[in-house]
Amino acid sequence: MTGKPSNLNDWARQLDSPPLQGRGRGWGLSTRRLAGLNDHARAMRNEPTEPEKRLWSVLSRSQLGGCRFRRQAVIGAAIVDFLCPQKGLIVEVDGETHSDPAADVRRTAQLEALGYRVVRVTNLDVMQNLEGVQWLLLDTLGAMPDRRPPRPNPSPEGEGLVGETGTK
């Protein structure tokens, strides 16, 4: 390394380590590994399976209980099918690629250790009983508290602060 980086994220890039701050990114993974996961997640979003397309038609645009979902979200070293960050709910659609139940149990335990709740549905459930899947997810979301209240955007450079005399 030559010279002193201007901030901590520059240090992280030079050391090939995750940044120390910023929307929960990092997960203790190298920047190269994290970038690879994000690239793979993007590719998976661009080529969803038919059950994922159908479930996304129900989850997108805050249609399910007013909760927002993300597709193919990176959490730790995993890419989850759907994530509701507000509630901490992960929805996994299990198909032919989920042939090892023991691996699914380990993965679920790892995600739950990070504070998430995982609901698994099968491709068959989504394709033949989408309404039942919707009700299951609505019930689950309704039973879960919000993870944390939303934070307001900070005002730039003290704009909007009121002094002791009631003037800006």
C-alpha atoms as a PDB file:
ATOM      1  CA  MET A   1       0.000   0.000   0.000  1.00  0.00           C
ATOM      2  CA  THR A   2       1.264   3.393  -0.878  1.00  0.00           C
ATOM      3  CA  GLY A   3       0.108   6.523   0.878  1.00  0.00           C
ATOM      4  CA  LYS A   4      -2.636   6.864   3.397  1.00  0.00           C
ATOM      5  CA  PRO A   5      -6.203   6.221   2.146  1.00  0.00           C
ATOM      6  CA  SER A   6      -8.651   9.063   2.663  1.00  0.00           C
ATOM      7  CA  ASN A   7     -11.277   6.984   4.480  1.00  0.00           C
ATOM      8  CA  LEU A   8     -11.992   3.568   5.980  1.00  0.00           C
ATOM      9  CA  ASN A   9     -13.645   2.215   2.839  1.00  0.00           C
ATOM     10  CA  ASP A  10     -10.456   2.975   0.869  1.00  0.00           C
ATOM     11  CA  TRP A  11      -8.515   0.965   3.452  1.00  0.00           C
ATOM     12  CA  ALA A  12     -11.003  -1.877   3.043  1.00  0.00           C
ATOM     13  CA  ARG A  13     -10.558  -1.900  -0.736  1.00  0.00           C
ATOM     14  CA  GLN A  14      -6.774  -1.956  -0.438  1.00  0.00           C
ATOM     15  CA  LEU A  15      -6.843  -4.741   2.142  1.00  0.00           C
ATOM     16  CA  ASP A  16      -9.493  -6.718   0.192  1.00  0.00           C
ATOM     17  CA  SER A  17     -11.690  -6.707   3.268  1.00  0.00           C
ATOM     18  CA  PRO A  18     -15.289  -5.589   3.743  1.00  0.00           C
ATOM     19  CA  PRO A  19     -16.111  -1.987   4.569  1.00  0.00           C
ATOM     20  CA  LEU A  20     -16.832  -1.242   8.205  1.00  0.00           C
ATOM     21  CA  GLN A  21     -20.030   0.639   7.571  1.00  0.00           C
ATOM     22  CA  GLY A  22     -22.820   1.086   5.086  1.00  0.00           C
ATOM     23  CA  ARG A  23     -26.226  -0.611   4.870  1.00  0.00           C
ATOM     24  CA  GLY A  24     -25.126  -3.820   6.545  1.00  0.00           C
ATOM     25  CA  ARG A  25     -22.741  -4.801   3.802  1.00  0.00           C
ATOM     26  CA  GLY A  26     -19.615  -6.738   4.528  1.00  0.00           C
ATOM     27  CA  TRP A  27     -20.703  -9.853   6.404  1.00  0.00           C
ATOM     28  CA  GLY A  28     -17.034 -10.565   7.140  1.00  0.00           C
ATOM     29  CA  LEU A  29     -16.426 -11.527   3.499  1.00  0.00           C
ATOM     30  CA  SER A  30     -13.710 -10.207   1.235  1.00  0.00           C
ATOM     31  CA  THR A  31     -14.775  -7.524  -1.218  1.00  0.00           C
ATOM     32  CA  ARG A  32     -13.990  -9.938  -4.050  1.00  0.00           C
ATOM     33  CA  ARG A  33     -16.242 -12.657  -2.574  1.00  0.00           C
ATOM     34  CA  LEU A  34     -19.013 -10.149  -1.844  1.00  0.00           C
ATOM     35  CA  ALA A  35     -18.820  -8.758  -5.390  1.00  0.00           C
ATOM     36  CA  GLY A  36     -19.018 -12.313  -6.753  1.00  0.00           C
ATOM     37  CA  LEU A  37     -22.117 -13.039  -4.689  1.00  0.00           C
ATOM     38  CA  ASN A  38     -23.753  -9.798  -5.835  1.00  0.00           C
ATOM     39  CA  ASP A  39     -22.945 -10.617  -9.478  1.00  0.00           C
ATOM     40  CA  HIS A  40     -24.416 -14.103  -9.077  1.00  0.00           C
ATOM     41  CA  ALA A  41     -27.539 -12.684  -7.373  1.00  0.00           C
ATOM     42  CA  ARG A  42     -27.987 -10.213 -10.247  1.00  0.00           C
ATOM     43  CA  ALA A  43     -27.737 -13.055 -12.767  1.00  0.00           C
ATOM     44  CA  MET A  44     -30.315 -15.042 -10.799  1.00  0.00           C
ATOM     45  CA  ARG A  45     -32.678 -12.025 -10.768  1.00  0.00           C
ATOM     46  CA  ASN A  46     -32.343 -11.818 -14.545  1.00  0.00           C
ATOM     47  CA  GLU A  47     -33.143 -15.540 -15.010  1.00  0.00           C
ATOM     48  CA  PRO A  48     -35.820 -16.437 -12.418  1.00  0.00           C
ATOM     49  CA  THR A  49     -37.524 -19.818 -12.371  1.00  0.00           C
ATOM     50  CA  GLU A  50     -41.234 -19.964 -13.169  1.00  0.00           C
ATOM     51  CA  PRO A  51     -42.207 -20.435  -9.478  1.00  0.00           C
ATOM     52  CA  GLU A  52     -40.015 -17.430  -8.534  1.00  0.00           C
ATOM     53  CA  LYS A  53     -41.732 -15.328 -11.220  1.00  0.00           C
ATOM     54  CA  ARG A  54     -45.161 -16.272  -9.909  1.00  0.00           C
ATOM     55  CA  LEU A  55     -44.295 -15.602  -6.282  1.00  0.00           C
ATOM     56  CA  TRP A  56     -42.626 -12.289  -7.192  1.00  0.00           C
ATOM     57  CA  SER A  57     -45.874 -11.222  -8.885  1.00  0.00           C
ATOM     58  CA  VAL A  58     -47.448 -11.421  -5.406  1.00  0.00           C
ATOM     59  CA  LEU A  59     -44.526 -10.001  -3.387  1.00  0.00           C
ATOM     60  CA  SER A  60     -43.479  -7.084  -5.607  1.00  0.00           C
ATOM     61  CA  ARG A  61     -44.714  -3.501  -5.211  1.00  0.00           C
ATOM     62  CA  SER A  62     -45.579  -3.993  -1.496  1.00  0.00           C
ATOM     63  CA  GLN A  63     -48.669  -6.001  -2.429  1.00  0.00           C
ATOM     64  CA  LEU A  64     -48.424  -8.467   0.442  1.00  0.00           C
ATOM     65  CA  GLY A  65     -49.473  -6.717   3.644  1.00  0.00           C
ATOM     66  CA  GLY A  66     -47.749  -3.513   2.556  1.00  0.00           C
ATOM     67  CA  CYS A  67     -44.328  -5.123   3.098  1.00  0.00           C
ATOM     68  CA  ARG A  68     -41.509  -4.628   0.614  1.00  0.00           C
ATOM     69  CA  PHE A  69     -39.503  -7.594  -0.601  1.00  0.00           C
ATOM     70  CA  ARG A  70     -36.196  -7.954  -2.413  1.00  0.00           C
ATOM     71  CA  ARG A  71     -35.367 -10.743  -4.843  1.00  0.00           C
ATOM     72  CA  GLN A  72     -32.143 -12.727  -4.647  1.00  0.00           C
ATOM     73  CA  ALA A  73     -30.725 -10.818  -1.676  1.00  0.00           C
ATOM     74  CA  VAL A  74     -27.212 -11.466  -0.357  1.00  0.00           C
ATOM     75  CA  ILE A  75     -27.147 -12.294   3.359  1.00  0.00           C
ATOM     76  CA  GLY A  76     -23.815 -13.456   4.692  1.00  0.00           C
ATOM     77  CA  ALA A  77     -22.417 -15.992   2.246  1.00  0.00           C
ATOM     78  CA  ALA A  78     -25.936 -16.929   1.087  1.00  0.00           C
ATOM     79  CA  ILE A  79     -28.238 -15.651  -1.627  1.00  0.00           C
ATOM     80  CA  VAL A  80     -31.852 -15.922  -0.490  1.00  0.00           C
ATOM     81  CA  ASP A  81     -34.796 -16.038  -2.887  1.00  0.00           C
ATOM     82  CA  PHE A  82     -36.889 -13.288  -1.246  1.00  0.00           C
ATOM     83  CA  LEU A  83     -36.222 -11.015   1.736  1.00  0.00           C
ATOM     84  CA  CYS A  84     -38.491  -8.645   3.631  1.00  0.00           C
ATOM     85  CA  PRO A  85     -35.950  -6.446   5.469  1.00  0.00           C
ATOM     86  CA  GLN A  86     -38.639  -4.690   7.537  1.00  0.00           C
ATOM     87  CA  LYS A  87     -39.691  -7.944   9.221  1.00  0.00           C
ATOM     88  CA  GLY A  88     -36.543 -10.019   8.738  1.00  0.00           C
ATOM     89  CA  LEU A  89     -38.473 -12.664   6.805  1.00  0.00           C
ATOM     90  CA  ILE A  90     -36.755 -14.836   4.210  1.00  0.00           C
ATOM     91  CA  VAL A  91     -38.840 -16.857   1.766  1.00  0.00           C
ATOM     92  CA  GLU A  92     -37.072 -19.730   0.055  1.00  0.00           C
ATOM     93  CA  VAL A  93     -38.651 -21.496  -2.930  1.00  0.00           C
ATOM     94  CA  ASP A  94     -37.302 -25.039  -2.944  1.00  0.00           C
ATOM     95  CA  GLY A  95     -37.177 -26.968  -6.187  1.00  0.00           C
ATOM     96  CA  GLU A  96     -35.017 -29.569  -7.842  1.00  0.00           C
ATOM     97  CA  THR A  97     -31.786 -27.849  -6.770  1.00  0.00           C
ATOM     98  CA  HIS A  98     -32.656 -28.444  -3.096  1.00  0.00           C
ATOM     99  CA  SER A  99     -31.918 -32.162  -3.064  1.00  0.00           C
ATOM    100  CA  ASP A 100     -29.991 -32.139   0.232  1.00  0.00           C
ATOM    101  CA  PRO A 101     -32.368 -31.538   3.161  1.00  0.00           C
ATOM    102  CA  ALA A 102     -29.466 -31.503   5.639  1.00  0.00           C
ATOM    103  CA  ALA A 103     -27.858 -28.594   3.754  1.00  0.00           C
ATOM    104  CA  ASP A 104     -31.175 -26.701   3.836  1.00  0.00           C
ATOM    105  CA  VAL A 105     -31.409 -27.254   7.607  1.00  0.00           C
ATOM    106  CA  ARG A 106     -27.841 -25.940   8.107  1.00  0.00           C
ATOM    107  CA  ARG A 107     -28.495 -22.926   5.879  1.00  0.00           C
ATOM    108  CA  THR A 108     -31.748 -22.138   7.720  1.00  0.00           C
ATOM    109  CA  ALA A 109     -29.954 -22.375  11.074  1.00  0.00           C
ATOM    110  CA  GLN A 110     -27.216 -20.006   9.852  1.00  0.00           C
ATOM    111  CA  LEU A 111     -29.766 -17.444   8.642  1.00  0.00           C
ATOM    112  CA  GLU A 112     -31.793 -17.710  11.854  1.00  0.00           C
ATOM    113  CA  ALA A 113     -28.597 -17.185  13.861  1.00  0.00           C
ATOM    114  CA  LEU A 114     -28.312 -13.835  12.051  1.00  0.00           C
ATOM    115  CA  GLY A 115     -31.803 -12.917  13.314  1.00  0.00           C
ATOM    116  CA  TYR A 116     -33.937 -13.843  10.299  1.00  0.00           C
ATOM    117  CA  ARG A 117     -36.974 -16.082  10.089  1.00  0.00           C
ATOM    118  CA  VAL A 118     -36.999 -18.509   7.167  1.00  0.00           C
ATOM    119  CA  VAL A 119     -40.137 -19.853   5.496  1.00  0.00           C
ATOM    120  CA  ARG A 120     -39.640 -22.557   2.897  1.00  0.00           C
ATOM    121  CA  VAL A 121     -42.208 -23.332   0.219  1.00  0.00           C
ATOM    122  CA  THR A 122     -41.898 -25.787  -2.633  1.00  0.00           C
ATOM    123  CA  ASN A 123     -42.125 -25.097  -6.346  1.00  0.00           C
ATOM    124  CA  LEU A 124     -45.264 -27.257  -6.347  1.00  0.00           C
ATOM    125  CA  ASP A 125     -46.864 -25.123  -3.606  1.00  0.00           C
ATOM    126  CA  VAL A 126     -46.242 -21.946  -5.589  1.00  0.00           C
ATOM    127  CA  MET A 127     -47.404 -23.399  -8.898  1.00  0.00           C
ATOM    128  CA  GLN A 128     -50.534 -25.155  -7.618  1.00  0.00           C
ATOM    129  CA  ASN A 129     -51.517 -23.226  -4.475  1.00  0.00           C
ATOM    130  CA  LEU A 130     -50.237 -19.654  -4.791  1.00  0.00           C
ATOM    131  CA  GLU A 131     -53.173 -18.321  -2.774  1.00  0.00           C
ATOM    132  CA  GLY A 132     -52.314 -20.685   0.094  1.00  0.00           C
ATOM    133  CA  VAL A 133     -48.695 -19.512  -0.014  1.00  0.00           C
ATOM    134  CA  GLN A 134     -49.928 -15.903   0.119  1.00  0.00           C
ATOM    135  CA  TRP A 135     -52.021 -16.609   3.211  1.00  0.00           C
ATOM    136  CA  LEU A 136     -49.122 -18.409   4.900  1.00  0.00           C
ATOM    137  CA  LEU A 137     -46.822 -15.442   4.266  1.00  0.00           C
ATOM    138  CA  LEU A 138     -49.454 -12.885   5.339  1.00  0.00           C
ATOM    139  CA  ASP A 139     -50.010 -14.773   8.608  1.00  0.00           C
ATOM    140  CA  THR A 140     -46.258 -15.009   9.184  1.00  0.00           C
ATOM    141  CA  LEU A 141     -45.689 -11.304   8.460  1.00  0.00           C
ATOM    142  CA  GLY A 142     -48.590 -10.333  10.726  1.00  0.00           C
ATOM    143  CA  ALA A 143     -47.116 -12.299  13.620  1.00  0.00           C
ATOM    144  CA  MET A 144     -43.672 -10.723  13.277  1.00  0.00           C
ATOM    145  CA  PRO A 145     -42.715  -7.340  14.757  1.00  0.00           C
ATOM    146  CA  ASP A 146     -40.809  -4.820  12.689  1.00  0.00           C
ATOM    147  CA  ARG A 147     -37.071  -5.323  13.127  1.00  0.00           C
ATOM    148  CA  ARG A 148     -36.421  -1.636  13.838  1.00  0.00           C
ATOM    149  CA  PRO A 149     -38.217   1.595  13.135  1.00  0.00           C
ATOM    150  CA  PRO A 150     -37.290   3.324   9.882  1.00  0.00           C
ATOM    151  CA  ARG A 151     -34.700   6.046  10.217  1.00  0.00           C
ATOM    152  CA  PRO A 152     -35.339   9.487   8.776  1.00  0.00           C
ATOM    153  CA  ASN A 153     -32.887  10.784   6.223  1.00  0.00           C
ATOM    154  CA  PRO A 154     -30.361  13.075   7.909  1.00  0.00           C
ATOM    155  CA  SER A 155     -30.581  16.703   6.978  1.00  0.00           C
ATOM    156  CA  PRO A 156     -27.539  18.068   5.132  1.00  0.00           C
ATOM    157  CA  GLU A 157     -25.128  20.218   7.134  1.00  0.00           C
ATOM    158  CA  GLY A 158     -27.487  21.080   9.986  1.00  0.00           C
ATOM    159  CA  GLU A 159     -30.246  22.336   7.707  1.00  0.00           C
ATOM    160  CA  GLY A 160     -33.517  22.452   9.595  1.00  0.00           C
ATOM    161  CA  LEU A 161     -31.973  22.716  13.059  1.00  0.00           C
ATOM    162  CA  VAL A 162     -33.701  25.138  15.376  1.00  0.00           C
ATOM    163  CA  GLY A 163     -31.716  27.134  17.907  1.00  0.00           C
ATOM    164  CA  GLU A 164     -32.726  27.859  21.512  1.00  0.00           C
ATOM    165  CA  THR A 165     -34.557  31.020  20.496  1.00  0.00           C
ATOM    166  CA  GLY A 166     -36.761  29.116  18.058  1.00  0.00           C
ATOM    167  CA  THR A 167     -35.046  30.502  14.958  1.00  0.00           C
ATOM    168  CA  LYS A 168     -32.940  28.730  12.410  1.00  0.00           C
END
